[in-house]
């Protein structure tokens, strides 16, 4: 069986919350301009990737239909 050792340096809940607040103050939050710029760039990349995968899906579907003989003139 594995030896279970008690956790070291236990901290009271009040002290823990204080430490969390102290660490949160160190966070460098982005400006609104940085947030808007990043959001726009993410949206552009999502649209571009959507178009790319649409084209790849369409091309692969067309190739598979040709090989299987499912796409033909009526």
C-alpha atoms as a PDB file:
ATOM      1  CA  UNK A   1       0.000   0.000   0.000  1.00  0.00           C
ATOM      2  CA  UNK A   2       1.118   3.527  -0.657  1.00  0.00           C
ATOM      3  CA  UNK A   3       2.080   5.669   2.268  1.00  0.00           C
ATOM      4  CA  UNK A   4      -0.314   8.561   2.623  1.00  0.00           C
ATOM      5  CA  UNK A   5       1.411  11.601   4.031  1.00  0.00           C
ATOM      6  CA  UNK A   6      -0.477  14.599   5.380  1.00  0.00           C
ATOM      7  CA  UNK A   7      -0.309  17.758   3.289  1.00  0.00           C
ATOM      8  CA  UNK A   8       2.306  20.220   4.426  1.00  0.00           C
ATOM      9  CA  UNK A   9       1.687  23.901   5.066  1.00  0.00           C
ATOM     10  CA  UNK A  10      -2.054  23.791   5.528  1.00  0.00           C
ATOM     11  CA  UNK A  11      -3.590  27.239   5.284  1.00  0.00           C
ATOM     12  CA  UNK A  12      -6.784  28.475   6.859  1.00  0.00           C
ATOM     13  CA  UNK A  13      -9.622  29.414   4.474  1.00  0.00           C
ATOM     14  CA  UNK A  14      -9.319  33.097   5.424  1.00  0.00           C
ATOM     15  CA  UNK A  15      -5.586  33.141   4.694  1.00  0.00           C
ATOM     16  CA  UNK A  16      -6.171  31.214   1.448  1.00  0.00           C
ATOM     17  CA  UNK A  17      -8.685  33.814   0.220  1.00  0.00           C
ATOM     18  CA  UNK A  18      -6.205  36.546   1.129  1.00  0.00           C
ATOM     19  CA  UNK A  19      -3.490  34.829  -0.893  1.00  0.00           C
ATOM     20  CA  UNK A  20      -5.834  34.421  -3.858  1.00  0.00           C
ATOM     21  CA  UNK A  21      -6.694  38.132  -3.760  1.00  0.00           C
ATOM     22  CA  UNK A  22      -3.016  39.023  -3.525  1.00  0.00           C
ATOM     23  CA  UNK A  23      -2.208  36.908  -6.592  1.00  0.00           C
ATOM     24  CA  UNK A  24      -5.189  38.341  -8.500  1.00  0.00           C
ATOM     25  CA  UNK A  25      -3.771  41.847  -7.987  1.00  0.00           C
ATOM     26  CA  UNK A  26      -0.607  40.765  -9.832  1.00  0.00           C
ATOM     27  CA  UNK A  27      -2.547  39.892 -12.994  1.00  0.00           C
ATOM     28  CA  UNK A  28      -2.011  42.297 -15.875  1.00  0.00           C
ATOM     29  CA  UNK A  29      -5.457  42.669 -17.425  1.00  0.00           C
ATOM     30  CA  UNK A  30      -5.714  43.506 -21.142  1.00  0.00           C
ATOM     31  CA  UNK A  31      -7.005  46.886 -22.196  1.00  0.00           C
ATOM     32  CA  UNK A  32     -10.342  47.139 -23.964  1.00  0.00           C
ATOM     33  CA  UNK A  33      -8.516  47.864 -27.234  1.00  0.00           C
ATOM     34  CA  UNK A  34      -6.435  44.671 -26.869  1.00  0.00           C
ATOM     35  CA  UNK A  35      -9.569  42.684 -26.083  1.00  0.00           C
ATOM     36  CA  UNK A  36     -11.434  44.023 -29.129  1.00  0.00           C
ATOM     37  CA  UNK A  37      -8.436  43.433 -31.416  1.00  0.00           C
ATOM     38  CA  UNK A  38      -7.997  39.875 -30.183  1.00  0.00           C
ATOM     39  CA  UNK A  39     -11.727  39.168 -30.530  1.00  0.00           C
ATOM     40  CA  UNK A  40     -11.744  40.427 -34.131  1.00  0.00           C
ATOM     41  CA  UNK A  41      -8.673  38.341 -34.988  1.00  0.00           C
ATOM     42  CA  UNK A  42     -10.276  35.225 -33.502  1.00  0.00           C
ATOM     43  CA  UNK A  43     -13.481  35.822 -35.490  1.00  0.00           C
ATOM     44  CA  UNK A  44     -11.503  36.284 -38.721  1.00  0.00           C
ATOM     45  CA  UNK A  45      -9.565  33.055 -38.110  1.00  0.00           C
ATOM     46  CA  UNK A  46     -12.782  31.137 -37.349  1.00  0.00           C
ATOM     47  CA  UNK A  47     -14.339  32.373 -40.592  1.00  0.00           C
ATOM     48  CA  UNK A  48     -11.218  31.536 -42.619  1.00  0.00           C
ATOM     49  CA  UNK A  49     -10.958  28.064 -41.112  1.00  0.00           C
ATOM     50  CA  UNK A  50     -14.678  27.516 -41.703  1.00  0.00           C
ATOM     51  CA  UNK A  51     -14.264  28.399 -45.386  1.00  0.00           C
ATOM     52  CA  UNK A  52     -11.162  26.197 -45.659  1.00  0.00           C
ATOM     53  CA  UNK A  53     -12.857  23.145 -44.140  1.00  0.00           C
ATOM     54  CA  UNK A  54     -15.997  23.729 -46.227  1.00  0.00           C
ATOM     55  CA  UNK A  55     -13.882  23.631 -49.402  1.00  0.00           C
ATOM     56  CA  UNK A  56     -11.921  20.555 -48.264  1.00  0.00           C
ATOM     57  CA  UNK A  57     -15.148  18.764 -47.317  1.00  0.00           C
ATOM     58  CA  UNK A  58     -16.763  19.639 -50.642  1.00  0.00           C
ATOM     59  CA  UNK A  59     -13.701  18.500 -52.609  1.00  0.00           C
ATOM     60  CA  UNK A  60     -13.397  15.201 -50.756  1.00  0.00           C
ATOM     61  CA  UNK A  61     -17.129  14.522 -51.108  1.00  0.00           C
ATOM     62  CA  UNK A  62     -16.942  15.195 -54.840  1.00  0.00           C
ATOM     63  CA  UNK A  63     -13.928  12.910 -55.282  1.00  0.00           C
ATOM     64  CA  UNK A  64     -15.557  10.107 -53.296  1.00  0.00           C
ATOM     65  CA  UNK A  65     -18.785  10.415 -55.287  1.00  0.00           C
ATOM     66  CA  UNK A  66     -16.814  10.173 -58.534  1.00  0.00           C
ATOM     67  CA  UNK A  67     -14.942   7.059 -57.359  1.00  0.00           C
ATOM     68  CA  UNK A  68     -18.079   5.347 -56.118  1.00  0.00           C
ATOM     69  CA  UNK A  69     -20.081   6.329 -59.173  1.00  0.00           C
ATOM     70  CA  UNK A  70     -22.740   8.046 -57.094  1.00  0.00           C
ATOM     71  CA  UNK A  71     -22.463  11.356 -58.867  1.00  0.00           C
ATOM     72  CA  UNK A  72     -23.488  11.147 -62.419  1.00  0.00           C
ATOM     73  CA  UNK A  73     -25.905  12.516 -64.907  1.00  0.00           C
ATOM     74  CA  UNK A  74     -29.493  11.455 -64.538  1.00  0.00           C
END
